[in-house]
Amino acid sequence: MGFCELCGRRNVETTVHHLVPKQMGGTFGPTADLCRPCHRQIHALYSNQEIHSRLSTLKKLREDEQLSRFISWIRKQPPHKSIKIKKSNERKRR
């Protein structure tokens, strides 16, 4: 069990998030350990192009309006709770 660098929750299962998507040349670039819900939420809201062009740091991810609302909510959830993530309607249309 680990620590999510985005929401700050402890004792959560983490995955490695490439701050610059691998498709955009970030294979060997900076990464962050994120809990599964935070990682899934990023990719449900944004395309790899959007992540690359404007959300390639933890600071920028935290400051994003849509993601910051999710982070505020997820911080209150227990680490063992199963969270269902859905693609945003805007992302579905692309």
PDB file of N, CA and C in Angstrom:
ATOM      1  N   MET A   1       0.838  -1.172   0.000  1.00  0.00           N
ATOM      2  CA  MET A   1       0.000   0.000   0.000  1.00  0.00           C
ATOM      3  C   MET A   1       0.889   1.243   0.000  1.00  0.00           C
ATOM      4  N   GLY A   2       0.389   2.275  -0.672  1.00  0.00           N
ATOM      5  CA  GLY A   2       1.223   3.445  -0.828  1.00  0.00           C
ATOM      6  C   GLY A   2       0.487   4.754  -0.579  1.00  0.00           C
ATOM      7  N   PHE A   3       1.081   5.810  -1.108  1.00  0.00           N
ATOM      8  CA  PHE A   3       0.627   7.185  -0.932  1.00  0.00           C
ATOM      9  C   PHE A   3       0.345   7.781  -2.301  1.00  0.00           C
ATOM     10  N   CYS A   4      -0.840   8.376  -2.474  1.00  0.00           N
ATOM     11  CA  CYS A   4      -1.185   9.013  -3.748  1.00  0.00           C
ATOM     12  C   CYS A   4      -0.619  10.429  -3.762  1.00  0.00           C
ATOM     13  N   GLU A   5       0.216  10.701  -4.749  1.00  0.00           N
ATOM     14  CA  GLU A   5       0.848  12.008  -4.842  1.00  0.00           C
ATOM     15  C   GLU A   5      -0.117  13.095  -5.300  1.00  0.00           C
ATOM     16  N   LEU A   6      -1.292  12.721  -5.774  1.00  0.00           N
ATOM     17  CA  LEU A   6      -2.249  13.723  -6.235  1.00  0.00           C
ATOM     18  C   LEU A   6      -3.249  14.095  -5.135  1.00  0.00           C
ATOM     19  N   CYS A   7      -3.916  13.120  -4.576  1.00  0.00           N
ATOM     20  CA  CYS A   7      -4.945  13.425  -3.568  1.00  0.00           C
ATOM     21  C   CYS A   7      -4.410  13.373  -2.140  1.00  0.00           C
ATOM     22  N   GLY A   8      -3.266  12.732  -1.950  1.00  0.00           N
ATOM     23  CA  GLY A   8      -2.664  12.681  -0.621  1.00  0.00           C
ATOM     24  C   GLY A   8      -3.166  11.576   0.287  1.00  0.00           C
ATOM     25  N   ARG A   9      -4.020  10.694  -0.238  1.00  0.00           N
ATOM     26  CA  ARG A   9      -4.512   9.596   0.602  1.00  0.00           C
ATOM     27  C   ARG A   9      -3.400   8.584   0.819  1.00  0.00           C
ATOM     28  N   ARG A  10      -3.415   7.972   1.994  1.00  0.00           N
ATOM     29  CA  ARG A  10      -2.414   6.960   2.352  1.00  0.00           C
ATOM     30  C   ARG A  10      -3.063   5.578   2.381  1.00  0.00           C
ATOM     31  N   ASN A  11      -2.215   4.565   2.357  1.00  0.00           N
ATOM     32  CA  ASN A  11      -2.670   3.167   2.413  1.00  0.00           C
ATOM     33  C   ASN A  11      -3.592   2.817   1.260  1.00  0.00           C
ATOM     34  N   VAL A  12      -3.254   3.322   0.075  1.00  0.00           N
ATOM     35  CA  VAL A  12      -4.022   3.025  -1.134  1.00  0.00           C
ATOM     36  C   VAL A  12      -3.124   2.294  -2.120  1.00  0.00           C
ATOM     37  N   GLU A  13      -3.749   1.493  -2.971  1.00  0.00           N
ATOM     38  CA  GLU A  13      -3.006   0.839  -4.038  1.00  0.00           C
ATOM     39  C   GLU A  13      -2.682   1.905  -5.080  1.00  0.00           C
ATOM     40  N   THR A  14      -1.415   1.987  -5.486  1.00  0.00           N
ATOM     41  CA  THR A  14      -1.015   3.026  -6.436  1.00  0.00           C
ATOM     42  C   THR A  14      -0.592   2.431  -7.777  1.00  0.00           C
ATOM     43  N   THR A  15      -0.679   3.280  -8.788  1.00  0.00           N
ATOM     44  CA  THR A  15      -0.208   2.949 -10.125  1.00  0.00           C
ATOM     45  C   THR A  15       0.714   4.077 -10.567  1.00  0.00           C
ATOM     46  N   VAL A  16       1.536   3.804 -11.564  1.00  0.00           N
ATOM     47  CA  VAL A  16       2.467   4.810 -12.068  1.00  0.00           C
ATOM     48  C   VAL A  16       1.792   5.601 -13.188  1.00  0.00           C
ATOM     49  N   HIS A  17       1.732   6.911 -13.017  1.00  0.00           N
ATOM     50  CA  HIS A  17       1.174   7.805 -14.036  1.00  0.00           C
ATOM     51  C   HIS A  17       2.327   8.558 -14.685  1.00  0.00           C
ATOM     52  N   HIS A  18       2.428   8.452 -16.001  1.00  0.00           N
ATOM     53  CA  HIS A  18       3.441   9.214 -16.736  1.00  0.00           C
ATOM     54  C   HIS A  18       2.915  10.629 -16.921  1.00  0.00           C
ATOM     55  N   LEU A  19       3.598  11.607 -16.360  1.00  0.00           N
ATOM     56  CA  LEU A  19       3.133  12.995 -16.437  1.00  0.00           C
ATOM     57  C   LEU A  19       3.100  13.484 -17.876  1.00  0.00           C
ATOM     58  N   VAL A  20       4.023  13.018 -18.681  1.00  0.00           N
ATOM     59  CA  VAL A  20       3.951  13.213 -20.135  1.00  0.00           C
ATOM     60  C   VAL A  20       3.582  11.838 -20.681  1.00  0.00           C
ATOM     61  N   PRO A  21       2.427  11.703 -21.332  1.00  0.00           N
ATOM     62  CA  PRO A  21       1.997  10.381 -21.810  1.00  0.00           C
ATOM     63  C   PRO A  21       3.070   9.675 -22.641  1.00  0.00           C
ATOM     64  N   LYS A  22       3.126   8.362 -22.481  1.00  0.00           N
ATOM     65  CA  LYS A  22       4.115   7.574 -23.224  1.00  0.00           C
ATOM     66  C   LYS A  22       3.983   7.790 -24.722  1.00  0.00           C
ATOM     67  N   GLN A  23       2.753   7.938 -25.212  1.00  0.00           N
ATOM     68  CA  GLN A  23       2.522   8.185 -26.643  1.00  0.00           C
ATOM     69  C   GLN A  23       3.174   9.487 -27.110  1.00  0.00           C
ATOM     70  N   MET A  24       3.381  10.403 -26.184  1.00  0.00           N
ATOM     71  CA  MET A  24       3.919  11.724 -26.513  1.00  0.00           C
ATOM     72  C   MET A  24       5.402  11.832 -26.143  1.00  0.00           C
ATOM     73  N   GLY A  25       6.047  10.695 -25.945  1.00  0.00           N
ATOM     74  CA  GLY A  25       7.477  10.688 -25.647  1.00  0.00           C
ATOM     75  C   GLY A  25       7.830  10.650 -24.178  1.00  0.00           C
ATOM     76  N   GLY A  26       6.889  10.363 -23.317  1.00  0.00           N
ATOM     77  CA  GLY A  26       7.152  10.386 -21.885  1.00  0.00           C
ATOM     78  C   GLY A  26       7.538   9.064 -21.262  1.00  0.00           C
ATOM     79  N   THR A  27       7.919   8.088 -22.059  1.00  0.00           N
ATOM     80  CA  THR A  27       8.245   6.762 -21.531  1.00  0.00           C
ATOM     81  C   THR A  27       9.288   6.825 -20.418  1.00  0.00           C
ATOM     82  N   PHE A  28      10.310   7.627 -20.602  1.00  0.00           N
ATOM     83  CA  PHE A  28      11.387   7.712 -19.612  1.00  0.00           C
ATOM     84  C   PHE A  28      11.340   9.033 -18.855  1.00  0.00           C
ATOM     85  N   GLY A  29      10.221   9.748 -18.949  1.00  0.00           N
ATOM     86  CA  GLY A  29      10.064  11.040 -18.293  1.00  0.00           C
ATOM     87  C   GLY A  29       9.580  10.901 -16.866  1.00  0.00           C
ATOM     88  N   PRO A  30       9.213  12.018 -16.257  1.00  0.00           N
ATOM     89  CA  PRO A  30       8.765  12.005 -14.862  1.00  0.00           C
ATOM     90  C   PRO A  30       7.440  11.256 -14.693  1.00  0.00           C
ATOM     91  N   THR A  31       7.314  10.614 -13.554  1.00  0.00           N
ATOM     92  CA  THR A  31       6.102   9.858 -13.228  1.00  0.00           C
ATOM     93  C   THR A  31       5.621  10.261 -11.832  1.00  0.00           C
ATOM     94  N   ALA A  32       4.415   9.858 -11.513  1.00  0.00           N
ATOM     95  CA  ALA A  32       3.854  10.072 -10.178  1.00  0.00           C
ATOM     96  C   ALA A  32       3.102   8.809  -9.772  1.00  0.00           C
ATOM     97  N   ASP A  33       3.173   8.483  -8.492  1.00  0.00           N
ATOM     98  CA  ASP A  33       2.402   7.357  -7.959  1.00  0.00           C
ATOM     99  C   ASP A  33       1.026   7.879  -7.571  1.00  0.00           C
ATOM    100  N   LEU A  34      -0.003   7.365  -8.249  1.00  0.00           N
ATOM    101  CA  LEU A  34      -1.370   7.808  -8.006  1.00  0.00           C
ATOM    102  C   LEU A  34      -2.241   6.627  -7.597  1.00  0.00           C
ATOM    103  N   CYS A  35      -3.231   6.918  -6.751  1.00  0.00           N
ATOM    104  CA  CYS A  35      -4.200   5.866  -6.438  1.00  0.00           C
ATOM    105  C   CYS A  35      -4.997   5.584  -7.710  1.00  0.00           C
ATOM    106  N   ARG A  36      -5.554   4.412  -7.781  1.00  0.00           N
ATOM    107  CA  ARG A  36      -6.291   4.019  -8.987  1.00  0.00           C
ATOM    108  C   ARG A  36      -7.418   4.987  -9.352  1.00  0.00           C
ATOM    109  N   PRO A  37      -8.242   5.437  -8.381  1.00  0.00           N
ATOM    110  CA  PRO A  37      -9.310   6.366  -8.766  1.00  0.00           C
ATOM    111  C   PRO A  37      -8.787   7.673  -9.374  1.00  0.00           C
ATOM    112  N   CYS A  38      -7.742   8.248  -8.806  1.00  0.00           N
ATOM    113  CA  CYS A  38      -7.188   9.491  -9.362  1.00  0.00           C
ATOM    114  C   CYS A  38      -6.641   9.255 -10.767  1.00  0.00           C
ATOM    115  N   HIS A  39      -5.925   8.153 -10.948  1.00  0.00           N
ATOM    116  CA  HIS A  39      -5.347   7.839 -12.254  1.00  0.00           C
ATOM    117  C   HIS A  39      -6.456   7.646 -13.289  1.00  0.00           C
ATOM    118  N   ARG A  40      -7.464   6.882 -12.930  1.00  0.00           N
ATOM    119  CA  ARG A  40      -8.565   6.642 -13.862  1.00  0.00           C
ATOM    120  C   ARG A  40      -9.336   7.922 -14.165  1.00  0.00           C
ATOM    121  N   GLN A  41      -9.503   8.773 -13.156  1.00  0.00           N
ATOM    122  CA  GLN A  41     -10.244  10.017 -13.359  1.00  0.00           C
ATOM    123  C   GLN A  41      -9.521  10.934 -14.349  1.00  0.00           C
ATOM    124  N   ILE A  42      -8.218  11.027 -14.259  1.00  0.00           N
ATOM    125  CA  ILE A  42      -7.438  11.845 -15.196  1.00  0.00           C
ATOM    126  C   ILE A  42      -7.712  11.386 -16.626  1.00  0.00           C
ATOM    127  N   HIS A  43      -7.611  10.075 -16.846  1.00  0.00           N
ATOM    128  CA  HIS A  43      -7.768   9.550 -18.203  1.00  0.00           C
ATOM    129  C   HIS A  43      -9.234   9.520 -18.654  1.00  0.00           C
ATOM    130  N   ALA A  44     -10.161   9.564 -17.703  1.00  0.00           N
ATOM    131  CA  ALA A  44     -11.577   9.648 -18.071  1.00  0.00           C
ATOM    132  C   ALA A  44     -11.943  11.068 -18.506  1.00  0.00           C
ATOM    133  N   LEU A  45     -11.274  12.048 -17.943  1.00  0.00           N
ATOM    134  CA  LEU A  45     -11.587  13.439 -18.258  1.00  0.00           C
ATOM    135  C   LEU A  45     -10.814  13.982 -19.457  1.00  0.00           C
ATOM    136  N   TYR A  46      -9.579  13.528 -19.636  1.00  0.00           N
ATOM    137  CA  TYR A  46      -8.687  14.174 -20.611  1.00  0.00           C
ATOM    138  C   TYR A  46      -8.032  13.192 -21.559  1.00  0.00           C
ATOM    139  N   SER A  47      -7.831  13.636 -22.779  1.00  0.00           N
ATOM    140  CA  SER A  47      -7.087  12.843 -23.763  1.00  0.00           C
ATOM    141  C   SER A  47      -5.593  12.967 -23.455  1.00  0.00           C
ATOM    142  N   ASN A  48      -4.804  12.074 -24.019  1.00  0.00           N
ATOM    143  CA  ASN A  48      -3.355  12.163 -23.845  1.00  0.00           C
ATOM    144  C   ASN A  48      -2.822  13.482 -24.388  1.00  0.00           C
ATOM    145  N   GLN A  49      -3.422  13.994 -25.452  1.00  0.00           N
ATOM    146  CA  GLN A  49      -2.991  15.273 -26.027  1.00  0.00           C
ATOM    147  C   GLN A  49      -3.215  16.408 -25.020  1.00  0.00           C
ATOM    148  N   GLU A  50      -4.373  16.399 -24.354  1.00  0.00           N
ATOM    149  CA  GLU A  50      -4.656  17.430 -23.351  1.00  0.00           C
ATOM    150  C   GLU A  50      -3.700  17.327 -22.165  1.00  0.00           C
ATOM    151  N   ILE A  51      -3.443  16.101 -21.734  1.00  0.00           N
ATOM    152  CA  ILE A  51      -2.519  15.894 -20.616  1.00  0.00           C
ATOM    153  C   ILE A  51      -1.146  16.422 -21.001  1.00  0.00           C
ATOM    154  N   HIS A  52      -0.708  16.106 -22.201  1.00  0.00           N
ATOM    155  CA  HIS A  52       0.607  16.543 -22.673  1.00  0.00           C
ATOM    156  C   HIS A  52       0.688  18.059 -22.796  1.00  0.00           C
ATOM    157  N   SER A  53      -0.330  18.674 -23.364  1.00  0.00           N
ATOM    158  CA  SER A  53      -0.250  20.103 -23.663  1.00  0.00           C
ATOM    159  C   SER A  53      -0.461  21.009 -22.455  1.00  0.00           C
ATOM    160  N   ARG A  54      -1.288  20.566 -21.464  1.00  0.00           N
ATOM    161  CA  ARG A  54      -1.557  21.502 -20.376  1.00  0.00           C
ATOM    162  C   ARG A  54      -1.611  20.915 -18.964  1.00  0.00           C
ATOM    163  N   LEU A  55      -1.440  19.605 -18.832  1.00  0.00           N
ATOM    164  CA  LEU A  55      -1.558  18.990 -17.507  1.00  0.00           C
ATOM    165  C   LEU A  55      -0.395  18.057 -17.199  1.00  0.00           C
ATOM    166  N   SER A  56       0.817  18.457 -17.524  1.00  0.00           N
ATOM    167  CA  SER A  56       1.957  17.542 -17.418  1.00  0.00           C
ATOM    168  C   SER A  56       2.748  17.673 -16.117  1.00  0.00           C
ATOM    169  N   THR A  57       2.151  18.303 -15.096  1.00  0.00           N
ATOM    170  CA  THR A  57       2.774  18.334 -13.763  1.00  0.00           C
ATOM    171  C   THR A  57       1.697  18.078 -12.722  1.00  0.00           C
ATOM    172  N   LEU A  58       2.116  17.637 -11.551  1.00  0.00           N
ATOM    173  CA  LEU A  58       1.149  17.426 -10.474  1.00  0.00           C
ATOM    174  C   LEU A  58       0.483  18.745 -10.090  1.00  0.00           C
ATOM    175  N   LYS A  59       1.231  19.826 -10.090  1.00  0.00           N
ATOM    176  CA  LYS A  59       0.681  21.143  -9.748  1.00  0.00           C
ATOM    177  C   LYS A  59      -0.438  21.522 -10.717  1.00  0.00           C
ATOM    178  N   LYS A  60      -0.201  21.346 -12.003  1.00  0.00           N
ATOM    179  CA  LYS A  60      -1.218  21.687 -13.007  1.00  0.00           C
ATOM    180  C   LYS A  60      -2.434  20.778 -12.883  1.00  0.00           C
ATOM    181  N   LEU A  61      -2.218  19.503 -12.582  1.00  0.00           N
ATOM    182  CA  LEU A  61      -3.342  18.582 -12.394  1.00  0.00           C
ATOM    183  C   LEU A  61      -4.182  19.016 -11.193  1.00  0.00           C
ATOM    184  N   ARG A  62      -3.524  19.356 -10.075  1.00  0.00           N
ATOM    185  CA  ARG A  62      -4.251  19.781  -8.878  1.00  0.00           C
ATOM    186  C   ARG A  62      -5.034  21.073  -9.110  1.00  0.00           C
ATOM    187  N   GLU A  63      -4.497  21.962  -9.946  1.00  0.00           N
ATOM    188  CA  GLU A  63      -5.126  23.261 -10.189  1.00  0.00           C
ATOM    189  C   GLU A  63      -6.252  23.210 -11.231  1.00  0.00           C
ATOM    190  N   ASP A  64      -6.348  22.113 -11.972  1.00  0.00           N
ATOM    191  CA  ASP A  64      -7.393  21.996 -12.981  1.00  0.00           C
ATOM    192  C   ASP A  64      -8.758  21.984 -12.297  1.00  0.00           C
ATOM    193  N   GLU A  65      -9.683  22.776 -12.836  1.00  0.00           N
ATOM    194  CA  GLU A  65     -10.987  22.962 -12.192  1.00  0.00           C
ATOM    195  C   GLU A  65     -11.758  21.653 -12.006  1.00  0.00           C
ATOM    196  N   GLN A  66     -11.891  20.862 -13.067  1.00  0.00           N
ATOM    197  CA  GLN A  66     -12.653  19.613 -12.971  1.00  0.00           C
ATOM    198  C   GLN A  66     -11.979  18.621 -12.039  1.00  0.00           C
ATOM    199  N   LEU A  67     -10.679  18.479 -12.166  1.00  0.00           N
ATOM    200  CA  LEU A  67      -9.962  17.494 -11.366  1.00  0.00           C
ATOM    201  C   LEU A  67      -9.885  17.923  -9.904  1.00  0.00           C
ATOM    202  N   SER A  68      -9.784  19.208  -9.635  1.00  0.00           N
ATOM    203  CA  SER A  68      -9.689  19.668  -8.241  1.00  0.00           C
ATOM    204  C   SER A  68     -10.965  19.340  -7.467  1.00  0.00           C
ATOM    205  N   ARG A  69     -12.117  19.404  -8.130  1.00  0.00           N
ATOM    206  CA  ARG A  69     -13.373  19.018  -7.470  1.00  0.00           C
ATOM    207  C   ARG A  69     -13.353  17.537  -7.107  1.00  0.00           C
ATOM    208  N   PHE A  70     -12.845  16.704  -8.025  1.00  0.00           N
ATOM    209  CA  PHE A  70     -12.743  15.268  -7.760  1.00  0.00           C
ATOM    210  C   PHE A  70     -11.773  15.020  -6.601  1.00  0.00           C
ATOM    211  N   ILE A  71     -10.636  15.707  -6.616  1.00  0.00           N
ATOM    212  CA  ILE A  71      -9.631  15.518  -5.564  1.00  0.00           C
ATOM    213  C   ILE A  71     -10.216  15.878  -4.195  1.00  0.00           C
ATOM    214  N   SER A  72     -10.946  16.984  -4.131  1.00  0.00           N
ATOM    215  CA  SER A  72     -11.579  17.379  -2.860  1.00  0.00           C
ATOM    216  C   SER A  72     -12.518  16.283  -2.357  1.00  0.00           C
ATOM    217  N   TRP A  73     -13.246  15.669  -3.272  1.00  0.00           N
ATOM    218  CA  TRP A  73     -14.177  14.606  -2.898  1.00  0.00           C
ATOM    219  C   TRP A  73     -13.451  13.317  -2.510  1.00  0.00           C
ATOM    220  N   ILE A  74     -12.488  12.912  -3.316  1.00  0.00           N
ATOM    221  CA  ILE A  74     -11.825  11.618  -3.095  1.00  0.00           C
ATOM    222  C   ILE A  74     -11.020  11.617  -1.791  1.00  0.00           C
ATOM    223  N   ARG A  75     -10.517  12.756  -1.388  1.00  0.00           N
ATOM    224  CA  ARG A  75      -9.754  12.843  -0.127  1.00  0.00           C
ATOM    225  C   ARG A  75     -10.585  12.404   1.072  1.00  0.00           C
ATOM    226  N   LYS A  76     -11.897  12.540   0.975  1.00  0.00           N
ATOM    227  CA  LYS A  76     -12.796  12.192   2.078  1.00  0.00           C
ATOM    228  C   LYS A  76     -13.191  10.721   2.072  1.00  0.00           C
ATOM    229  N   GLN A  77     -12.797   9.988   1.030  1.00  0.00           N
ATOM    230  CA  GLN A  77     -13.209   8.590   0.885  1.00  0.00           C
ATOM    231  C   GLN A  77     -12.188   7.667   1.555  1.00  0.00           C
ATOM    232  N   PRO A  78     -12.655   6.602   2.183  1.00  0.00           N
ATOM    233  CA  PRO A  78     -11.731   5.654   2.799  1.00  0.00           C
ATOM    234  C   PRO A  78     -10.888   4.949   1.728  1.00  0.00           C
ATOM    235  N   PRO A  79      -9.646   4.585   2.064  1.00  0.00           N
ATOM    236  CA  PRO A  79      -8.741   3.993   1.077  1.00  0.00           C
ATOM    237  C   PRO A  79      -9.236   2.685   0.463  1.00  0.00           C
ATOM    238  N   HIS A  80     -10.046   1.936   1.173  1.00  0.00           N
ATOM    239  CA  HIS A  80     -10.503   0.632   0.683  1.00  0.00           C
ATOM    240  C   HIS A  80     -11.785   0.720  -0.154  1.00  0.00           C
ATOM    241  N   LYS A  81     -12.419   1.907  -0.192  1.00  0.00           N
ATOM    242  CA  LYS A  81     -13.682   2.053  -0.916  1.00  0.00           C
ATOM    243  C   LYS A  81     -13.466   1.912  -2.423  1.00  0.00           C
ATOM    244  N   SER A  82     -14.337   1.143  -3.068  1.00  0.00           N
ATOM    245  CA  SER A  82     -14.278   0.966  -4.517  1.00  0.00           C
ATOM    246  C   SER A  82     -14.983   2.149  -5.172  1.00  0.00           C
ATOM    247  N   ILE A  83     -14.269   2.832  -6.072  1.00  0.00           N
ATOM    248  CA  ILE A  83     -14.790   4.026  -6.724  1.00  0.00           C
ATOM    249  C   ILE A  83     -15.034   3.725  -8.196  1.00  0.00           C
ATOM    250  N   LYS A  84     -16.229   4.031  -8.674  1.00  0.00           N
ATOM    251  CA  LYS A  84     -16.553   3.819 -10.083  1.00  0.00           C
ATOM    252  C   LYS A  84     -16.295   5.121 -10.842  1.00  0.00           C
ATOM    253  N   ILE A  85     -15.523   5.031 -11.905  1.00  0.00           N
ATOM    254  CA  ILE A  85     -15.160   6.200 -12.709  1.00  0.00           C
ATOM    255  C   ILE A  85     -15.788   6.047 -14.086  1.00  0.00           C
ATOM    256  N   LYS A  86     -16.421   7.128 -14.563  1.00  0.00           N
ATOM    257  CA  LYS A  86     -17.012   7.120 -15.900  1.00  0.00           C
ATOM    258  C   LYS A  86     -16.351   8.194 -16.739  1.00  0.00           C
ATOM    259  N   LYS A  87     -16.235   7.930 -18.039  1.00  0.00           N
ATOM    260  CA  LYS A  87     -15.715   8.944 -18.944  1.00  0.00           C
ATOM    261  C   LYS A  87     -16.659  10.127 -18.965  1.00  0.00           C
ATOM    262  N   SER A  88     -16.101  11.326 -19.059  1.00  0.00           N
ATOM    263  CA  SER A  88     -16.942  12.508 -19.132  1.00  0.00           C
ATOM    264  C   SER A  88     -17.695  12.499 -20.457  1.00  0.00           C
ATOM    265  N   ASN A  89     -18.859  13.129 -20.484  1.00  0.00           N
ATOM    266  CA  ASN A  89     -19.639  13.202 -21.722  1.00  0.00           C
ATOM    267  C   ASN A  89     -18.843  13.870 -22.830  1.00  0.00           C
ATOM    268  N   GLU A  90     -18.080  14.896 -22.463  1.00  0.00           N
ATOM    269  CA  GLU A  90     -17.256  15.593 -23.455  1.00  0.00           C
ATOM    270  C   GLU A  90     -16.218  14.650 -24.049  1.00  0.00           C
ATOM    271  N   ARG A  91     -15.620  13.822 -23.223  1.00  0.00           N
ATOM    272  CA  ARG A  91     -14.583  12.885 -23.678  1.00  0.00           C
ATOM    273  C   ARG A  91     -15.210  11.773 -24.536  1.00  0.00           C
ATOM    274  N   LYS A  92     -16.449  11.369 -24.219  1.00  0.00           N
ATOM    275  CA  LYS A  92     -17.138  10.323 -24.977  1.00  0.00           C
ATOM    276  C   LYS A  92     -17.381  10.762 -26.420  1.00  0.00           C
ATOM    277  N   ARG A  93     -17.658  12.050 -26.615  1.00  0.00           N
ATOM    278  CA  ARG A  93     -17.969  12.563 -27.948  1.00  0.00           C
ATOM    279  C   ARG A  93     -16.760  12.643 -28.860  1.00  0.00           C
ATOM    280  N   ARG A  94     -15.579  12.566 -28.324  1.00  0.00           N
ATOM    281  CA  ARG A  94     -14.366  12.690 -29.159  1.00  0.00           C
ATOM    282  C   ARG A  94     -14.075  11.436 -29.908  1.00  0.00           C
TER     283      ARG A  94
END
